[in-house]
């Protein structure tokens, strides 16, 4: 049974065929294109639920394709993928209406999770009682501002007044039922792109699970003081699919 229609644009046939294999095996109907004009022509003729496009293309810049696709088919969600992520492109993607901004390469499971967020309404719902309790400390997957991913599990999104939230996607980790906590780097007043700013620790196994690397260089304006309360509340529940966890609110530094 087909779950939805997806158009993938990338001039690298390895990427398009890989995405087609991954998403096709999940029941999605996947069409590919290797040039911007070809993809726009397909969008003009057919309806797609999701459009995944690279930034660097042989004929048209991917952000131009994004802009044209939003004008042509505003109900089609767009995800940007790129092997050369920049904060400038991420900001422009948001402005033009992209739902997410992903860095290549990504794992098959990560791409499947992206599609599920867009097609599975169950992934957008968190029980209201928990939303009310932690609404200032969690981020709904389907909100006013999209999540812009830089690396698997670590994301950034603009909020207001020039501030951004950076955080992590714990859903894969939570699936194992492990009791975890976030340990911030001590006395941290700024983060640097690519460097560790926090770690995910297994309280059950007494070891580190993953270091979390900052997706941008920025000054820290606020730390999520309820982060470990939120994790403890959601462990082992069926409500984790609809939320992400922000760790810090930051003001980006121009590099």
C-alpha atoms as a PDB file:
ATOM      1  CA  UNK A   1       0.000   0.000   0.000  1.00  0.00           C
ATOM      2  CA  UNK A   2       1.482   3.365  -1.065  1.00  0.00           C
ATOM      3  CA  UNK A   3       1.770   5.891   1.773  1.00  0.00           C
ATOM      4  CA  UNK A   4       2.387   9.046  -0.267  1.00  0.00           C
ATOM      5  CA  UNK A   5       4.142  10.546  -3.295  1.00  0.00           C
ATOM      6  CA  UNK A   6       7.720  11.780  -3.006  1.00  0.00           C
ATOM      7  CA  UNK A   7       9.867  13.588  -5.585  1.00  0.00           C
ATOM      8  CA  UNK A   8      13.655  13.494  -5.061  1.00  0.00           C
ATOM      9  CA  UNK A   9      16.009  15.888  -6.877  1.00  0.00           C
ATOM     10  CA  UNK A  10      19.771  15.295  -6.801  1.00  0.00           C
ATOM     11  CA  UNK A  11      22.394  15.152  -9.552  1.00  0.00           C
ATOM     12  CA  UNK A  12      24.102  12.269  -7.741  1.00  0.00           C
ATOM     13  CA  UNK A  13      22.389   9.082  -8.898  1.00  0.00           C
ATOM     14  CA  UNK A  14      23.725   7.232  -5.843  1.00  0.00           C
ATOM     15  CA  UNK A  15      21.725   9.580  -3.609  1.00  0.00           C
ATOM     16  CA  UNK A  16      18.508   9.408  -5.630  1.00  0.00           C
ATOM     17  CA  UNK A  17      18.609   5.626  -5.998  1.00  0.00           C
ATOM     18  CA  UNK A  18      19.451   5.192  -2.332  1.00  0.00           C
ATOM     19  CA  UNK A  19      16.536   7.395  -1.253  1.00  0.00           C
ATOM     20  CA  UNK A  20      14.241   5.631  -3.709  1.00  0.00           C
ATOM     21  CA  UNK A  21      15.237   2.240  -2.330  1.00  0.00           C
ATOM     22  CA  UNK A  22      14.939   3.331   1.313  1.00  0.00           C
ATOM     23  CA  UNK A  23      11.606   5.131   1.006  1.00  0.00           C
ATOM     24  CA  UNK A  24      10.191   2.770  -1.603  1.00  0.00           C
ATOM     25  CA  UNK A  25      10.720  -0.163   0.744  1.00  0.00           C
ATOM     26  CA  UNK A  26       8.582   1.711   3.292  1.00  0.00           C
ATOM     27  CA  UNK A  27       5.664   1.908   0.864  1.00  0.00           C
ATOM     28  CA  UNK A  28       6.145   5.426  -0.531  1.00  0.00           C
ATOM     29  CA  UNK A  29       5.814   6.109  -4.263  1.00  0.00           C
ATOM     30  CA  UNK A  30       9.140   7.712  -5.194  1.00  0.00           C
ATOM     31  CA  UNK A  31      10.029   9.604  -8.392  1.00  0.00           C
ATOM     32  CA  UNK A  32      13.532  10.970  -9.046  1.00  0.00           C
ATOM     33  CA  UNK A  33      15.057  13.792 -11.093  1.00  0.00           C
ATOM     34  CA  UNK A  34      18.670  14.900 -11.597  1.00  0.00           C
ATOM     35  CA  UNK A  35      18.105  18.459 -12.853  1.00  0.00           C
ATOM     36  CA  UNK A  36      16.120  21.366 -11.443  1.00  0.00           C
ATOM     37  CA  UNK A  37      14.125  22.001 -14.594  1.00  0.00           C
ATOM     38  CA  UNK A  38      13.123  18.347 -14.772  1.00  0.00           C
ATOM     39  CA  UNK A  39      11.906  18.415 -11.173  1.00  0.00           C
ATOM     40  CA  UNK A  40       9.917  21.622 -11.693  1.00  0.00           C
ATOM     41  CA  UNK A  41       8.292  20.140 -14.779  1.00  0.00           C
ATOM     42  CA  UNK A  42       7.272  17.078 -12.779  1.00  0.00           C
ATOM     43  CA  UNK A  43       5.854  19.292 -10.034  1.00  0.00           C
ATOM     44  CA  UNK A  44       3.858  21.231 -12.611  1.00  0.00           C
ATOM     45  CA  UNK A  45       2.276  18.065 -14.002  1.00  0.00           C
ATOM     46  CA  UNK A  46       1.826  15.895 -10.905  1.00  0.00           C
ATOM     47  CA  UNK A  47       1.054  16.279  -7.204  1.00  0.00           C
ATOM     48  CA  UNK A  48       3.600  15.268  -4.578  1.00  0.00           C
ATOM     49  CA  UNK A  49       3.310  15.192  -0.808  1.00  0.00           C
ATOM     50  CA  UNK A  50       7.054  15.634  -0.241  1.00  0.00           C
ATOM     51  CA  UNK A  51       9.795  17.159  -2.394  1.00  0.00           C
ATOM     52  CA  UNK A  52      13.424  16.460  -1.414  1.00  0.00           C
ATOM     53  CA  UNK A  53      16.015  18.590  -3.215  1.00  0.00           C
ATOM     54  CA  UNK A  54      19.777  19.104  -3.157  1.00  0.00           C
ATOM     55  CA  UNK A  55      21.216  22.645  -3.097  1.00  0.00           C
ATOM     56  CA  UNK A  56      24.043  22.237  -5.609  1.00  0.00           C
ATOM     57  CA  UNK A  57      22.563  21.255  -8.975  1.00  0.00           C
ATOM     58  CA  UNK A  58      24.012  21.363 -12.507  1.00  0.00           C
ATOM     59  CA  UNK A  59      21.426  23.755 -13.939  1.00  0.00           C
ATOM     60  CA  UNK A  60      19.627  25.684 -11.134  1.00  0.00           C
ATOM     61  CA  UNK A  61      20.485  26.450  -7.524  1.00  0.00           C
ATOM     62  CA  UNK A  62      18.426  24.266  -5.195  1.00  0.00           C
ATOM     63  CA  UNK A  63      17.167  27.274  -3.250  1.00  0.00           C
ATOM     64  CA  UNK A  64      15.751  28.693  -6.487  1.00  0.00           C
ATOM     65  CA  UNK A  65      14.039  25.357  -7.075  1.00  0.00           C
ATOM     66  CA  UNK A  66      12.690  25.539  -3.509  1.00  0.00           C
ATOM     67  CA  UNK A  67      11.269  29.015  -4.133  1.00  0.00           C
ATOM     68  CA  UNK A  68       9.649  27.998  -7.426  1.00  0.00           C
ATOM     69  CA  UNK A  69       8.208  24.809  -5.952  1.00  0.00           C
ATOM     70  CA  UNK A  70       6.600  26.682  -3.048  1.00  0.00           C
ATOM     71  CA  UNK A  71       4.932  29.067  -5.483  1.00  0.00           C
ATOM     72  CA  UNK A  72       3.831  26.236  -7.736  1.00  0.00           C
ATOM     73  CA  UNK A  73       2.702  23.706  -5.119  1.00  0.00           C
ATOM     74  CA  UNK A  74       2.439  25.413  -1.682  1.00  0.00           C
ATOM     75  CA  UNK A  75       0.917  22.296  -0.086  1.00  0.00           C
ATOM     76  CA  UNK A  76       3.960  20.159  -0.949  1.00  0.00           C
ATOM     77  CA  UNK A  77       6.420  19.929   1.950  1.00  0.00           C
ATOM     78  CA  UNK A  78      10.039  20.527   0.916  1.00  0.00           C
ATOM     79  CA  UNK A  79      13.176  19.112   2.534  1.00  0.00           C
ATOM     80  CA  UNK A  80      16.608  20.459   1.582  1.00  0.00           C
ATOM     81  CA  UNK A  81      19.583  18.058   1.529  1.00  0.00           C
ATOM     82  CA  UNK A  82      23.178  19.203   1.070  1.00  0.00           C
ATOM     83  CA  UNK A  83      26.724  18.002   1.460  1.00  0.00           C
ATOM     84  CA  UNK A  84      27.834  21.584   2.115  1.00  0.00           C
ATOM     85  CA  UNK A  85      25.619  22.976   4.908  1.00  0.00           C
ATOM     86  CA  UNK A  86      25.888  26.633   5.851  1.00  0.00           C
ATOM     87  CA  UNK A  87      23.976  28.737   8.325  1.00  0.00           C
ATOM     88  CA  UNK A  88      23.233  31.244   5.551  1.00  0.00           C
ATOM     89  CA  UNK A  89      21.615  28.567   3.378  1.00  0.00           C
ATOM     90  CA  UNK A  90      19.689  27.214   6.367  1.00  0.00           C
ATOM     91  CA  UNK A  91      18.249  30.654   7.111  1.00  0.00           C
ATOM     92  CA  UNK A  92      17.333  31.205   3.470  1.00  0.00           C
ATOM     93  CA  UNK A  93      15.712  27.771   3.312  1.00  0.00           C
ATOM     94  CA  UNK A  94      13.518  28.611   6.293  1.00  0.00           C
ATOM     95  CA  UNK A  95      12.572  31.943   4.780  1.00  0.00           C
ATOM     96  CA  UNK A  96      11.558  30.232   1.545  1.00  0.00           C
ATOM     97  CA  UNK A  97       9.456  27.623   3.342  1.00  0.00           C
ATOM     98  CA  UNK A  98      11.566  24.462   3.687  1.00  0.00           C
ATOM     99  CA  UNK A  99      10.376  22.033   6.335  1.00  0.00           C
ATOM    100  CA  UNK A 100      13.865  20.697   7.108  1.00  0.00           C
ATOM    101  CA  UNK A 101      17.493  21.154   6.077  1.00  0.00           C
ATOM    102  CA  UNK A 102      19.557  17.934   6.204  1.00  0.00           C
ATOM    103  CA  UNK A 103      23.276  17.342   5.897  1.00  0.00           C
ATOM    104  CA  UNK A 104      24.453  14.488   3.696  1.00  0.00           C
ATOM    105  CA  UNK A 105      25.255  11.714   4.287  1.00  0.00           C
ATOM    106  CA  UNK A 106      22.369  10.488   6.438  1.00  0.00           C
ATOM    107  CA  UNK A 107      21.374   7.022   7.569  1.00  0.00           C
ATOM    108  CA  UNK A 108      18.406   5.136   6.091  1.00  0.00           C
ATOM    109  CA  UNK A 109      16.600   5.246   9.444  1.00  0.00           C
ATOM    110  CA  UNK A 110      17.052   9.011   9.627  1.00  0.00           C
ATOM    111  CA  UNK A 111      15.507   9.535   6.173  1.00  0.00           C
ATOM    112  CA  UNK A 112      12.615   7.235   7.068  1.00  0.00           C
ATOM    113  CA  UNK A 113      11.985   9.237  10.255  1.00  0.00           C
ATOM    114  CA  UNK A 114      11.860  12.462   8.220  1.00  0.00           C
ATOM    115  CA  UNK A 115       9.202  10.979   5.939  1.00  0.00           C
ATOM    116  CA  UNK A 116       7.236   9.586   8.866  1.00  0.00           C
ATOM    117  CA  UNK A 117       7.067  13.003  10.503  1.00  0.00           C
ATOM    118  CA  UNK A 118       5.399  14.348   7.394  1.00  0.00           C
ATOM    119  CA  UNK A 119       3.038  11.459   6.678  1.00  0.00           C
ATOM    120  CA  UNK A 120       2.170   9.918  10.034  1.00  0.00           C
ATOM    121  CA  UNK A 121      -0.234  12.050  12.059  1.00  0.00           C
ATOM    122  CA  UNK A 122       0.523   9.946  15.102  1.00  0.00           C
ATOM    123  CA  UNK A 123       4.025  11.369  15.026  1.00  0.00           C
ATOM    124  CA  UNK A 124       2.679  14.873  15.523  1.00  0.00           C
ATOM    125  CA  UNK A 125       0.643  14.206  18.669  1.00  0.00           C
ATOM    126  CA  UNK A 126       1.732  14.442  22.274  1.00  0.00           C
ATOM    127  CA  UNK A 127      -0.819  13.806  25.017  1.00  0.00           C
ATOM    128  CA  UNK A 128      -2.192  17.130  26.188  1.00  0.00           C
ATOM    129  CA  UNK A 129      -1.421  16.649  29.877  1.00  0.00           C
ATOM    130  CA  UNK A 130       2.282  16.324  29.139  1.00  0.00           C
ATOM    131  CA  UNK A 131       2.239  19.188  26.667  1.00  0.00           C
ATOM    132  CA  UNK A 132       0.711  21.431  29.320  1.00  0.00           C
ATOM    133  CA  UNK A 133       3.365  20.443  31.863  1.00  0.00           C
ATOM    134  CA  UNK A 134       6.402  20.760  29.595  1.00  0.00           C
ATOM    135  CA  UNK A 135       5.177  23.046  26.808  1.00  0.00           C
ATOM    136  CA  UNK A 136       8.029  25.542  27.335  1.00  0.00           C
ATOM    137  CA  UNK A 137      10.675  22.821  27.267  1.00  0.00           C
ATOM    138  CA  UNK A 138       9.711  20.676  24.267  1.00  0.00           C
ATOM    139  CA  UNK A 139       9.286  21.416  20.569  1.00  0.00           C
ATOM    140  CA  UNK A 140       6.330  19.924  18.644  1.00  0.00           C
ATOM    141  CA  UNK A 141       7.429  18.326  15.396  1.00  0.00           C
ATOM    142  CA  UNK A 142       4.622  20.086  13.579  1.00  0.00           C
ATOM    143  CA  UNK A 143       4.855  23.689  14.773  1.00  0.00           C
ATOM    144  CA  UNK A 144       5.007  27.210  13.407  1.00  0.00           C
ATOM    145  CA  UNK A 145       8.757  26.960  12.815  1.00  0.00           C
ATOM    146  CA  UNK A 146      10.338  23.975  11.062  1.00  0.00           C
ATOM    147  CA  UNK A 147      13.265  22.068  12.529  1.00  0.00           C
ATOM    148  CA  UNK A 148      16.433  22.487  10.514  1.00  0.00           C
ATOM    149  CA  UNK A 149      18.793  19.542  10.910  1.00  0.00           C
ATOM    150  CA  UNK A 150      22.540  19.820  10.461  1.00  0.00           C
ATOM    151  CA  UNK A 151      23.633  16.416  11.680  1.00  0.00           C
ATOM    152  CA  UNK A 152      21.765  13.332  12.705  1.00  0.00           C
ATOM    153  CA  UNK A 153      20.136  13.869  16.072  1.00  0.00           C
ATOM    154  CA  UNK A 154      21.237  17.508  16.525  1.00  0.00           C
ATOM    155  CA  UNK A 155      19.129  20.328  15.144  1.00  0.00           C
ATOM    156  CA  UNK A 156      18.677  24.095  15.137  1.00  0.00           C
ATOM    157  CA  UNK A 157      15.682  26.325  14.447  1.00  0.00           C
ATOM    158  CA  UNK A 158      15.049  30.078  14.591  1.00  0.00           C
ATOM    159  CA  UNK A 159      12.579  31.330  17.177  1.00  0.00           C
ATOM    160  CA  UNK A 160      12.358  35.095  17.693  1.00  0.00           C
ATOM    161  CA  UNK A 161      14.485  38.194  18.117  1.00  0.00           C
ATOM    162  CA  UNK A 162      17.393  36.631  16.249  1.00  0.00           C
ATOM    163  CA  UNK A 163      17.574  33.739  18.702  1.00  0.00           C
ATOM    164  CA  UNK A 164      17.826  30.074  17.723  1.00  0.00           C
ATOM    165  CA  UNK A 165      17.104  26.899  19.650  1.00  0.00           C
ATOM    166  CA  UNK A 166      19.527  24.003  19.402  1.00  0.00           C
ATOM    167  CA  UNK A 167      18.611  20.557  20.620  1.00  0.00           C
ATOM    168  CA  UNK A 168      18.595  16.837  20.004  1.00  0.00           C
ATOM    169  CA  UNK A 169      16.254  14.151  18.715  1.00  0.00           C
ATOM    170  CA  UNK A 170      16.075  11.453  21.390  1.00  0.00           C
ATOM    171  CA  UNK A 171      13.408   9.242  19.818  1.00  0.00           C
ATOM    172  CA  UNK A 172      15.770   6.512  18.641  1.00  0.00           C
ATOM    173  CA  UNK A 173      17.493   6.436  22.034  1.00  0.00           C
ATOM    174  CA  UNK A 174      14.213   6.399  23.949  1.00  0.00           C
ATOM    175  CA  UNK A 175      12.945   3.435  21.959  1.00  0.00           C
ATOM    176  CA  UNK A 176      15.248   1.180  23.974  1.00  0.00           C
ATOM    177  CA  UNK A 177      13.682   2.231  27.260  1.00  0.00           C
ATOM    178  CA  UNK A 178      17.031   3.301  28.705  1.00  0.00           C
ATOM    179  CA  UNK A 179      17.004   5.890  31.500  1.00  0.00           C
ATOM    180  CA  UNK A 180      19.078   8.803  30.270  1.00  0.00           C
ATOM    181  CA  UNK A 181      20.089  12.322  31.184  1.00  0.00           C
ATOM    182  CA  UNK A 182      21.750  15.294  29.497  1.00  0.00           C
ATOM    183  CA  UNK A 183      25.054  16.502  30.929  1.00  0.00           C
ATOM    184  CA  UNK A 184      26.044  19.994  29.765  1.00  0.00           C
ATOM    185  CA  UNK A 185      29.657  21.098  29.434  1.00  0.00           C
ATOM    186  CA  UNK A 186      30.346  23.059  32.597  1.00  0.00           C
ATOM    187  CA  UNK A 187      30.508  26.892  32.692  1.00  0.00           C
ATOM    188  CA  UNK A 188      29.609  27.142  29.038  1.00  0.00           C
ATOM    189  CA  UNK A 189      28.631  30.625  27.830  1.00  0.00           C
ATOM    190  CA  UNK A 190      29.156  29.992  24.116  1.00  0.00           C
ATOM    191  CA  UNK A 191      29.201  27.089  21.660  1.00  0.00           C
ATOM    192  CA  UNK A 192      31.388  26.506  18.626  1.00  0.00           C
ATOM    193  CA  UNK A 193      30.196  24.697  15.515  1.00  0.00           C
ATOM    194  CA  UNK A 194      31.223  21.052  15.574  1.00  0.00           C
ATOM    195  CA  UNK A 195      32.346  21.029  19.201  1.00  0.00           C
ATOM    196  CA  UNK A 196      30.701  19.165  22.084  1.00  0.00           C
ATOM    197  CA  UNK A 197      28.328  21.255  24.188  1.00  0.00           C
ATOM    198  CA  UNK A 198      26.493  18.431  25.963  1.00  0.00           C
ATOM    199  CA  UNK A 199      26.506  14.651  26.320  1.00  0.00           C
ATOM    200  CA  UNK A 200      23.789  12.031  26.522  1.00  0.00           C
ATOM    201  CA  UNK A 201      24.461   9.744  29.493  1.00  0.00           C
ATOM    202  CA  UNK A 202      22.965   6.336  30.270  1.00  0.00           C
ATOM    203  CA  UNK A 203      21.984   6.316  33.930  1.00  0.00           C
ATOM    204  CA  UNK A 204      21.137   2.624  33.665  1.00  0.00           C
ATOM    205  CA  UNK A 205      24.436   1.484  32.177  1.00  0.00           C
ATOM    206  CA  UNK A 206      26.624   4.176  33.733  1.00  0.00           C
ATOM    207  CA  UNK A 207      28.268   5.296  30.498  1.00  0.00           C
ATOM    208  CA  UNK A 208      28.087   7.960  27.840  1.00  0.00           C
ATOM    209  CA  UNK A 209      25.859   7.284  24.844  1.00  0.00           C
ATOM    210  CA  UNK A 210      26.679  10.220  22.580  1.00  0.00           C
ATOM    211  CA  UNK A 211      28.412  13.581  22.543  1.00  0.00           C
ATOM    212  CA  UNK A 212      26.198  16.330  21.141  1.00  0.00           C
ATOM    213  CA  UNK A 213      27.989  18.726  18.804  1.00  0.00           C
ATOM    214  CA  UNK A 214      26.846  22.298  18.261  1.00  0.00           C
ATOM    215  CA  UNK A 215      25.391  22.916  14.776  1.00  0.00           C
ATOM    216  CA  UNK A 216      26.547  26.547  14.831  1.00  0.00           C
ATOM    217  CA  UNK A 217      28.795  28.980  16.671  1.00  0.00           C
ATOM    218  CA  UNK A 218      26.740  31.083  19.062  1.00  0.00           C
ATOM    219  CA  UNK A 219      26.428  32.794  22.433  1.00  0.00           C
ATOM    220  CA  UNK A 220      24.280  30.902  24.930  1.00  0.00           C
ATOM    221  CA  UNK A 221      21.376  32.958  26.227  1.00  0.00           C
ATOM    222  CA  UNK A 222      19.380  30.233  28.027  1.00  0.00           C
ATOM    223  CA  UNK A 223      19.777  26.586  29.036  1.00  0.00           C
ATOM    224  CA  UNK A 224      16.792  24.226  29.262  1.00  0.00           C
ATOM    225  CA  UNK A 225      16.755  23.688  33.026  1.00  0.00           C
ATOM    226  CA  UNK A 226      13.949  21.118  32.799  1.00  0.00           C
ATOM    227  CA  UNK A 227      15.676  18.934  30.234  1.00  0.00           C
ATOM    228  CA  UNK A 228      16.199  15.907  32.474  1.00  0.00           C
ATOM    229  CA  UNK A 229      12.734  16.199  34.023  1.00  0.00           C
ATOM    230  CA  UNK A 230      11.288  15.996  30.520  1.00  0.00           C
ATOM    231  CA  UNK A 231      13.372  12.950  29.616  1.00  0.00           C
ATOM    232  CA  UNK A 232      12.382  11.138  32.818  1.00  0.00           C
ATOM    233  CA  UNK A 233       8.704  11.848  32.184  1.00  0.00           C
ATOM    234  CA  UNK A 234       8.722  10.510  28.640  1.00  0.00           C
ATOM    235  CA  UNK A 235      10.802   7.356  29.172  1.00  0.00           C
ATOM    236  CA  UNK A 236       8.849   4.248  28.211  1.00  0.00           C
ATOM    237  CA  UNK A 237       5.746   6.131  27.055  1.00  0.00           C
ATOM    238  CA  UNK A 238       4.114   6.066  23.630  1.00  0.00           C
ATOM    239  CA  UNK A 239       4.016   9.841  23.371  1.00  0.00           C
ATOM    240  CA  UNK A 240       7.618  10.576  22.395  1.00  0.00           C
ATOM    241  CA  UNK A 241       7.006  10.561  18.632  1.00  0.00           C
ATOM    242  CA  UNK A 242       5.574  14.073  18.495  1.00  0.00           C
ATOM    243  CA  UNK A 243       8.288  16.151  20.141  1.00  0.00           C
ATOM    244  CA  UNK A 244      11.891  17.236  20.137  1.00  0.00           C
ATOM    245  CA  UNK A 245      13.935  18.486  23.065  1.00  0.00           C
ATOM    246  CA  UNK A 246      15.617  21.878  22.976  1.00  0.00           C
ATOM    247  CA  UNK A 247      18.792  22.204  25.026  1.00  0.00           C
ATOM    248  CA  UNK A 248      19.835  25.829  24.626  1.00  0.00           C
ATOM    249  CA  UNK A 249      18.644  29.112  23.192  1.00  0.00           C
ATOM    250  CA  UNK A 250      21.487  30.876  21.477  1.00  0.00           C
ATOM    251  CA  UNK A 251      22.395  33.961  19.496  1.00  0.00           C
ATOM    252  CA  UNK A 252      24.416  32.955  16.385  1.00  0.00           C
ATOM    253  CA  UNK A 253      27.839  34.465  15.787  1.00  0.00           C
ATOM    254  CA  UNK A 254      28.744  35.548  12.303  1.00  0.00           C
ATOM    255  CA  UNK A 255      31.705  33.505  11.078  1.00  0.00           C
END
